[in-house]
Structures are given as structure tokens and as C-alpha cells.
Protein backbone atom coordinates (compact mmCIF):
# COMPACT_ATOMS: atom_id res chain seq x y z
CA MET A 1 115.44 106.51 132.05
CA LYS A 2 114.75 103.85 129.50
CA ASN A 3 115.68 105.01 125.99
CA ILE A 4 113.36 104.01 123.18
CA ILE A 5 114.24 104.83 119.63
CA ASN A 6 112.23 103.86 116.58
CA ALA A 7 112.91 104.99 113.07
CA PHE A 8 110.88 104.31 110.01
CA ILE A 9 111.99 105.38 106.58
CA TYR A 10 109.50 104.86 103.81
CA GLY A 11 110.49 104.21 100.23
CA LYS A 12 108.46 105.44 97.29
CA ASN A 13 105.32 103.58 96.41
CA SER A 14 105.27 102.90 92.69
CA LEU A 15 101.73 104.34 92.57
CA ALA A 16 102.52 107.44 94.60
CA GLY A 17 103.21 109.57 91.52
CA GLY A 18 106.42 111.17 92.66
CA LEU A 19 105.57 111.62 96.33
CA VAL A 20 108.25 110.68 98.78
CA ALA A 21 107.26 109.72 102.28
CA LEU A 22 109.90 110.06 104.95
CA ALA A 23 108.84 109.41 108.51
CA VAL A 24 110.71 108.99 111.75
CA VAL A 25 109.02 107.84 114.93
CA LEU A 26 110.78 108.64 118.18
CA ALA A 27 109.61 107.32 121.51
CA ILE A 28 111.57 108.32 124.59
CA GLY A 29 111.08 107.42 128.23
CA THR A 30 107.73 106.04 129.23
CA GLY A 31 106.13 105.84 125.82
CA CYS A 32 105.75 109.49 124.86
CA PHE A 33 105.57 109.54 121.06
CA CYS A 34 106.69 112.67 119.26
CA ASN A 35 106.02 113.80 115.68
CA LYS A 36 103.07 111.40 115.44
CA ASP A 37 100.92 113.90 113.53
CA LYS A 38 103.68 114.61 111.00
CA ILE A 39 104.23 110.89 110.46
CA ASN A 40 100.53 110.29 109.93
CA GLU A 41 100.44 113.20 107.47
CA LEU A 42 103.38 111.82 105.47
CA THR A 43 102.01 108.27 105.55
CA ASN A 44 98.57 109.37 104.40
CA LYS A 45 100.04 111.38 101.50
CA SER A 46 101.92 108.41 100.12
CA GLY A 47 99.57 105.61 101.11
CA SER A 48 102.67 103.47 101.48
CA SER A 49 103.89 101.08 104.09
CA PRO A 50 107.43 100.84 105.44
CA SER A 51 110.11 100.13 102.83
CA PRO A 52 113.75 98.69 102.79
CA ALA A 53 117.51 97.90 101.59
CA ALA A 54 120.76 95.78 100.96
CA SER A 55 124.42 95.42 100.15
CA SER A 56 127.26 92.94 99.97
CA SER A 57 128.82 90.87 102.74
CA PRO A 58 130.22 92.64 105.82
CA SER A 59 133.77 91.52 105.22
CA ALA A 60 135.17 92.24 101.78
CA SER A 61 138.16 90.01 102.50
CA ALA A 62 136.08 86.95 103.45
CA THR A 63 134.97 84.63 100.69
CA PRO A 64 131.37 83.55 101.21
CA SER A 65 130.72 79.82 101.44
CA TYR A 66 127.36 80.08 99.69
CA LYS A 67 126.05 80.66 96.18
CA LYS A 68 124.74 84.20 95.94
CA ALA A 69 121.02 84.52 95.24
CA ASP A 70 120.11 86.15 91.92
CA ALA A 71 117.62 88.91 92.68
CA SER A 72 116.73 89.27 88.99
CA LYS A 73 115.35 85.71 89.18
CA ASN A 74 113.45 86.38 92.41
CA GLU A 75 115.83 84.10 94.36
CA ILE A 76 115.69 84.40 98.13
CA PRO A 77 119.11 84.47 99.82
CA SER A 78 120.15 81.54 101.99
CA ASN A 79 120.29 82.08 105.74
CA ASP A 80 124.08 82.66 105.59
CA GLU A 81 123.81 85.19 102.78
CA MET A 82 120.90 86.96 104.48
CA GLN A 83 122.98 87.22 107.66
CA ASP A 84 125.72 88.96 105.63
CA ILE A 85 123.32 91.27 103.80
CA VAL A 86 121.54 92.35 107.00
CA LYS A 87 124.75 92.86 108.96
CA LYS A 88 126.27 94.92 106.14
CA THR A 89 123.14 97.09 105.98
CA MET A 90 123.04 97.63 109.73
CA LEU A 91 126.77 98.40 110.04
CA ASP A 92 126.66 100.81 107.08
CA PHE A 93 123.73 102.53 108.76
CA ASN A 94 125.62 102.64 112.07
CA ASP A 95 128.68 104.18 110.36
CA ALA A 96 126.43 106.96 109.08
CA LEU A 97 125.00 107.49 112.57
CA GLN A 98 128.46 107.71 114.12
CA SER A 99 129.83 110.18 111.57
CA GLY A 100 126.61 112.13 111.04
CA ASP A 101 127.32 111.87 107.29
CA PHE A 102 124.90 109.72 105.27
CA THR A 103 126.68 110.15 101.91
CA ASP A 104 128.23 106.67 101.89
CA PHE A 105 125.08 105.04 103.28
CA HIS A 106 123.04 106.77 100.56
CA LYS A 107 125.29 105.14 97.93
CA THR A 108 124.48 101.65 99.26
CA VAL A 109 120.69 101.89 98.92
CA ALA A 110 118.65 101.11 95.81
CA LYS A 111 118.97 103.67 93.01
CA LYS A 112 115.18 104.05 93.07
CA TRP A 113 115.47 105.17 96.69
CA GLN A 114 118.51 107.36 95.98
CA ASP A 115 116.34 109.22 93.45
CA GLN A 116 113.76 109.93 96.14
CA ILE A 117 115.94 111.05 99.03
CA THR A 118 119.22 112.89 99.54
CA PRO A 119 121.93 112.16 102.12
CA GLU A 120 120.87 115.39 103.83
CA LYS A 121 117.28 114.14 104.13
CA PHE A 122 118.56 110.89 105.63
CA LYS A 123 120.54 112.91 108.17
CA GLU A 124 117.52 115.06 108.94
CA GLY A 125 115.30 112.00 109.37
CA PHE A 126 117.79 110.23 111.62
CA SER A 127 119.01 113.33 113.51
CA VAL A 128 117.68 111.97 116.81
CA PHE A 129 119.86 108.88 116.43
CA VAL A 130 122.87 111.03 115.56
CA ASN A 131 122.27 113.50 118.40
CA ASN A 132 121.73 110.71 120.94
CA LYS A 133 124.90 108.95 119.74
CA THR A 134 123.00 105.73 119.08
CA ASN A 135 125.58 103.02 118.42
CA ILE A 136 124.74 99.47 117.32
CA SER A 137 128.31 98.47 116.41
CA ASN A 138 128.16 95.59 118.92
CA ILE A 139 126.13 93.60 116.35
CA LYS A 140 129.33 92.89 114.39
CA ASN A 141 130.06 89.75 116.41
CA GLU A 142 126.43 88.62 116.63
CA LYS A 143 124.14 86.61 114.39
CA ALA A 144 120.72 87.98 113.66
CA GLU A 145 117.71 86.04 114.88
CA PHE A 146 115.20 86.21 112.03
CA THR A 147 111.62 86.39 113.26
CA SER A 148 110.01 86.72 109.83
CA GLY A 149 111.33 86.04 106.37
CA PRO A 150 113.23 86.42 104.30
CA LYS A 151 110.28 86.41 101.96
CA ILE A 152 109.13 88.11 98.77
CA ASP A 153 106.31 90.61 99.24
CA ARG A 154 104.40 92.23 96.37
CA SER A 155 101.85 94.13 98.46
CA ARG A 156 102.97 97.58 97.26
CA GLY A 157 103.28 96.75 93.59
CA LEU A 158 107.01 96.07 93.87
CA ARG A 159 108.80 92.79 94.35
CA GLU A 160 110.40 93.32 97.76
CA LEU A 161 112.57 91.03 99.84
CA VAL A 162 111.46 91.55 103.43
CA VAL A 163 113.26 90.31 106.53
CA GLU A 164 112.57 91.01 110.20
CA GLY A 165 114.56 90.05 113.24
CA LYS A 166 116.81 91.21 116.01
CA TYR A 167 120.30 91.14 117.39
CA ASN A 168 120.32 90.11 121.04
CA THR A 169 122.80 92.77 122.01
CA SER A 170 123.34 94.17 125.49
CA PRO A 171 122.08 96.26 127.14
CA LEU A 172 119.37 96.71 124.48
CA PRO A 173 118.38 94.49 121.57
CA ALA A 174 118.52 95.89 118.04
CA LYS A 175 115.27 94.92 116.32
CA PHE A 176 114.91 95.57 112.61
CA LYS A 177 112.72 95.28 109.55
CA LEU A 178 114.54 95.66 106.24
CA GLN A 179 113.15 95.74 102.73
CA TYR A 180 115.16 95.25 99.56
CA ILE A 181 114.37 95.49 95.86
CA SER A 182 116.24 93.88 92.99
CA GLU A 183 118.81 95.87 91.10
CA GLY A 184 120.28 93.63 88.45
CA LYS A 185 121.28 90.47 90.31
CA ASP A 186 121.58 92.21 93.68
CA TRP A 187 119.12 92.96 96.46
CA LYS A 188 119.42 96.65 97.39
CA LEU A 189 118.03 98.41 100.45
CA TYR A 190 114.70 100.18 99.95
CA GLY A 191 113.48 100.63 103.53
CA ILE A 192 114.61 100.33 107.12
CA GLU A 193 113.00 100.19 110.55
CA LEU A 194 115.07 100.06 113.71
CA ASP A 195 113.78 99.60 117.26
CA THR A 196 116.07 99.47 120.29
CA ARG A 197 113.39 99.07 122.93
CA LYS A 198 113.76 96.49 125.65
CA ASP A 199 111.78 93.32 125.01
């Protein structure tokens, strides 16, 4: 049976007045979508669209060969830096999936998002991934293929760095959409979408 897993985590819309929208979409087998009504309910309450996240380079011991983009100046990371940011985000997320503990992952996301969601809520939202032992660790030796971005998007009233792409991993690709907001000079994760469907 073909496994299909989609997860959408929504960050807080600056106009949502304290509402937090957390939605997870799970599709298994031949396209049966579960929790669709709950997701629509949460999405309609917040009026927000998917949101996103970031961190430092995947290898603390490696010295990057690029000048780091200054998020406070709206600078978009170079391709090499974006590769590092995305891989770090995805591997941090995968670590949380493997352990079932989202405490460390929670610490890597934007403070604005940390204020809206607890590690326990992350675990609850991604419980299907944890229970199904979803593992995307094979991305560590791959380069992401960016299909859109990185670009700055202001559609939700926030300055967000948005990047979409995939890792051509086997047997299933790991497709993603990540959104980051500036925190000082750094881009920090504020939303994540993951799709491991076959192309």
C-alpha cells in the first residue's frame, strides 16, 4: 500500500487576535483524507495560510563558505546558505519524529511560534508521523531541489522567507514548504509542510 503523509502546521496570523491554528492533513492509501473537517474548521478560525521556520547550518563543525544573510535587513540567503538552513530544519524535525519528543525542535522555531504552540501540541499534531515511524534521515547526504523561492512574502502581514522544494530520496521523495520569519539577524522557522507522496 502506498503511504501518503502530509502535514501542515500553521503559524499565527498577526491579525488573528490570539488564535492559533494547528492543522495536520493525513492521506493514506488511495487518497482517503482524514480530519479534513477539523482542518477546515481550524483554517477558517484563523483565516491564515500555511506558515514556516529556520536554524543554523547542519554541521556545527563545518565553516560555511558564504556570507550569512542578515534577516533584519530582509536579505535572502544564498543558495548554499538556504541548503544549510533547510537541511537543518528538516533534520531537526526528523530527530523529533524519531524520539517522539518535540522539546528540542520547539526551541529551534521562531519565538513568536513558540509562544503559540507547546512541544506537546507539536507531538499531538505530528503523532501520525511518530506512530508510523516516518524517517527522512536519508536527506542528510542530498541537496534540496528548490522549486520555488527562496523569496520574501508579505501576504499575511508578516515578512516571511518562503522556500519550496524536495529531496529526491528513495523510495519516496521528501517535498517541503518552509516559512521563516526574522528574529534579529536570523531566519527562524514559522511554518512547515511535508509531503512524502510519490511524484
